[in-house]
Amino acid sequence: TFFEERLGFIQQVLQRAEMAFKQVQEVSLFEVDVG
């Protein structure tokens, strides 16, 4: 159904956002360690 497709799309977006957020956290921690 349309709702299920929309829900799946939202889940994909959330997963990508979570991955990007983790990458940013790792970069921030790395910069802090170097500094």
PDB file of N, CA and C in Angstrom:
ATOM      1  N   THR A   1       0.843  -1.202   0.000  1.00  0.00           N
ATOM      2  CA  THR A   1       0.000   0.000   0.000  1.00  0.00           C
ATOM      3  C   THR A   1       0.875   1.247   0.000  1.00  0.00           C
ATOM      4  N   PHE A   2       0.264   2.368  -0.246  1.00  0.00           N
ATOM      5  CA  PHE A   2       0.997   3.628  -0.263  1.00  0.00           C
ATOM      6  C   PHE A   2       1.637   3.893   1.098  1.00  0.00           C
ATOM      7  N   PHE A   3       0.880   3.617   2.163  1.00  0.00           N
ATOM      8  CA  PHE A   3       1.406   3.882   3.514  1.00  0.00           C
ATOM      9  C   PHE A   3       2.626   3.019   3.796  1.00  0.00           C
ATOM     10  N   GLU A   4       2.586   1.746   3.384  1.00  0.00           N
ATOM     11  CA  GLU A   4       3.721   0.856   3.627  1.00  0.00           C
ATOM     12  C   GLU A   4       4.948   1.324   2.845  1.00  0.00           C
ATOM     13  N   GLU A   5       4.740   1.770   1.609  1.00  0.00           N
ATOM     14  CA  GLU A   5       5.869   2.254   0.819  1.00  0.00           C
ATOM     15  C   GLU A   5       6.475   3.481   1.477  1.00  0.00           C
ATOM     16  N   ARG A   6       5.605   4.374   1.937  1.00  0.00           N
ATOM     17  CA  ARG A   6       6.092   5.603   2.588  1.00  0.00           C
ATOM     18  C   ARG A   6       6.855   5.247   3.863  1.00  0.00           C
ATOM     19  N   LEU A   7       6.342   4.271   4.619  1.00  0.00           N
ATOM     20  CA  LEU A   7       6.991   3.862   5.868  1.00  0.00           C
ATOM     21  C   LEU A   7       8.374   3.281   5.579  1.00  0.00           C
ATOM     22  N   GLY A   8       8.482   2.469   4.557  1.00  0.00           N
ATOM     23  CA  GLY A   8       9.771   1.890   4.192  1.00  0.00           C
ATOM     24  C   GLY A   8      10.752   2.974   3.781  1.00  0.00           C
ATOM     25  N   PHE A   9      10.268   3.974   3.045  1.00  0.00           N
ATOM     26  CA  PHE A   9      11.138   5.071   2.614  1.00  0.00           C
ATOM     27  C   PHE A   9      11.643   5.848   3.823  1.00  0.00           C
ATOM     28  N   ILE A  10      10.755   6.109   4.768  1.00  0.00           N
ATOM     29  CA  ILE A  10      11.146   6.850   5.976  1.00  0.00           C
ATOM     30  C   ILE A  10      12.195   6.052   6.757  1.00  0.00           C
ATOM     31  N   GLN A  11      12.022   4.738   6.844  1.00  0.00           N
ATOM     32  CA  GLN A  11      12.991   3.915   7.563  1.00  0.00           C
ATOM     33  C   GLN A  11      14.361   3.988   6.890  1.00  0.00           C
ATOM     34  N   GLN A  12      14.379   3.987   5.543  1.00  0.00           N
ATOM     35  CA  GLN A  12      15.658   4.089   4.828  1.00  0.00           C
ATOM     36  C   GLN A  12      16.321   5.415   5.138  1.00  0.00           C
ATOM     37  N   VAL A  13      15.538   6.488   5.126  1.00  0.00           N
ATOM     38  CA  VAL A  13      16.097   7.821   5.389  1.00  0.00           C
ATOM     39  C   VAL A  13      16.656   7.873   6.811  1.00  0.00           C
ATOM     40  N   LEU A  14      15.926   7.299   7.754  1.00  0.00           N
ATOM     41  CA  LEU A  14      16.391   7.316   9.150  1.00  0.00           C
ATOM     42  C   LEU A  14      17.684   6.518   9.281  1.00  0.00           C
ATOM     43  N   GLN A  15      17.780   5.387   8.592  1.00  0.00           N
ATOM     44  CA  GLN A  15      18.998   4.581   8.673  1.00  0.00           C
ATOM     45  C   GLN A  15      20.183   5.370   8.115  1.00  0.00           C
ATOM     46  N   ARG A  16      19.972   6.052   6.985  1.00  0.00           N
ATOM     47  CA  ARG A  16      21.074   6.825   6.397  1.00  0.00           C
ATOM     48  C   ARG A  16      21.474   7.961   7.318  1.00  0.00           C
ATOM     49  N   ALA A  17      20.481   8.607   7.925  1.00  0.00           N
ATOM     50  CA  ALA A  17      20.775   9.718   8.834  1.00  0.00           C
ATOM     51  C   ALA A  17      21.550   9.211  10.044  1.00  0.00           C
ATOM     52  N   GLU A  18      21.162   8.041  10.540  1.00  0.00           N
ATOM     53  CA  GLU A  18      21.857   7.473  11.704  1.00  0.00           C
ATOM     54  C   GLU A  18      23.304   7.136  11.349  1.00  0.00           C
ATOM     55  N   MET A  19      23.524   6.558  10.167  1.00  0.00           N
ATOM     56  CA  MET A  19      24.883   6.229   9.741  1.00  0.00           C
ATOM     57  C   MET A  19      25.719   7.493   9.609  1.00  0.00           C
ATOM     58  N   ALA A  20      25.143   8.526   8.993  1.00  0.00           N
ATOM     59  CA  ALA A  20      25.868   9.784   8.811  1.00  0.00           C
ATOM     60  C   ALA A  20      26.198  10.397  10.173  1.00  0.00           C
ATOM     61  N   PHE A  21      25.251  10.316  11.100  1.00  0.00           N
ATOM     62  CA  PHE A  21      25.462  10.875  12.429  1.00  0.00           C
ATOM     63  C   PHE A  21      26.609  10.151  13.135  1.00  0.00           C
ATOM     64  N   LYS A  22      26.664   8.829  12.995  1.00  0.00           N
ATOM     65  CA  LYS A  22      27.742   8.052  13.613  1.00  0.00           C
ATOM     66  C   LYS A  22      29.089   8.445  12.999  1.00  0.00           C
ATOM     67  N   GLN A  23      29.118   8.647  11.679  1.00  0.00           N
ATOM     68  CA  GLN A  23      30.369   9.043  11.032  1.00  0.00           C
ATOM     69  C   GLN A  23      30.823  10.394  11.561  1.00  0.00           C
ATOM     70  N   VAL A  24      29.887  11.318  11.728  1.00  0.00           N
ATOM     71  CA  VAL A  24      30.234  12.648  12.237  1.00  0.00           C
ATOM     72  C   VAL A  24      30.761  12.533  13.665  1.00  0.00           C
ATOM     73  N   GLN A  25      30.130  11.684  14.459  1.00  0.00           N
ATOM     74  CA  GLN A  25      30.598  11.496  15.841  1.00  0.00           C
ATOM     75  C   GLN A  25      32.025  10.958  15.839  1.00  0.00           C
ATOM     76  N   GLU A  26      32.310   9.986  14.980  1.00  0.00           N
ATOM     77  CA  GLU A  26      33.644   9.395  14.930  1.00  0.00           C
ATOM     78  C   GLU A  26      34.666  10.456  14.529  1.00  0.00           C
ATOM     79  N   VAL A  27      34.331  11.293  13.562  1.00  0.00           N
ATOM     80  CA  VAL A  27      35.242  12.339  13.117  1.00  0.00           C
ATOM     81  C   VAL A  27      35.479  13.327  14.253  1.00  0.00           C
ATOM     82  N   SER A  28      34.414  13.699  14.969  1.00  0.00           N
ATOM     83  CA  SER A  28      34.543  14.645  16.075  1.00  0.00           C
ATOM     84  C   SER A  28      35.442  14.061  17.162  1.00  0.00           C
ATOM     85  N   LEU A  29      35.235  12.785  17.499  1.00  0.00           N
ATOM     86  CA  LEU A  29      36.067  12.147  18.520  1.00  0.00           C
ATOM     87  C   LEU A  29      37.519  12.090  18.055  1.00  0.00           C
ATOM     88  N   PHE A  30      37.733  11.813  16.796  1.00  0.00           N
ATOM     89  CA  PHE A  30      39.088  11.732  16.254  1.00  0.00           C
ATOM     90  C   PHE A  30      39.770  13.084  16.361  1.00  0.00           C
ATOM     91  N   GLU A  31      39.050  14.159  16.013  1.00  0.00           N
ATOM     92  CA  GLU A  31      39.621  15.506  16.079  1.00  0.00           C
ATOM     93  C   GLU A  31      39.957  15.859  17.525  1.00  0.00           C
ATOM     94  N   VAL A  32      39.085  15.460  18.451  1.00  0.00           N
ATOM     95  CA  VAL A  32      39.332  15.748  19.866  1.00  0.00           C
ATOM     96  C   VAL A  32      40.581  15.009  20.339  1.00  0.00           C
ATOM     97  N   ASP A  33      40.731  13.749  19.935  1.00  0.00           N
ATOM     98  CA  ASP A  33      41.900  12.974  20.358  1.00  0.00           C
ATOM     99  C   ASP A  33      43.180  13.611  19.812  1.00  0.00           C
ATOM    100  N   VAL A  34      43.162  14.043  18.565  1.00  0.00           N
ATOM    101  CA  VAL A  34      44.344  14.638  17.955  1.00  0.00           C
ATOM    102  C   VAL A  34      44.657  15.973  18.627  1.00  0.00           C
ATOM    103  N   GLY A  35      43.614  16.756  18.896  1.00  0.00           N
ATOM    104  CA  GLY A  35      43.806  18.079  19.490  1.00  0.00           C
ATOM    105  C   GLY A  35      44.348  17.964  20.901  1.00  0.00           C
TER     106      GLY A  35
END
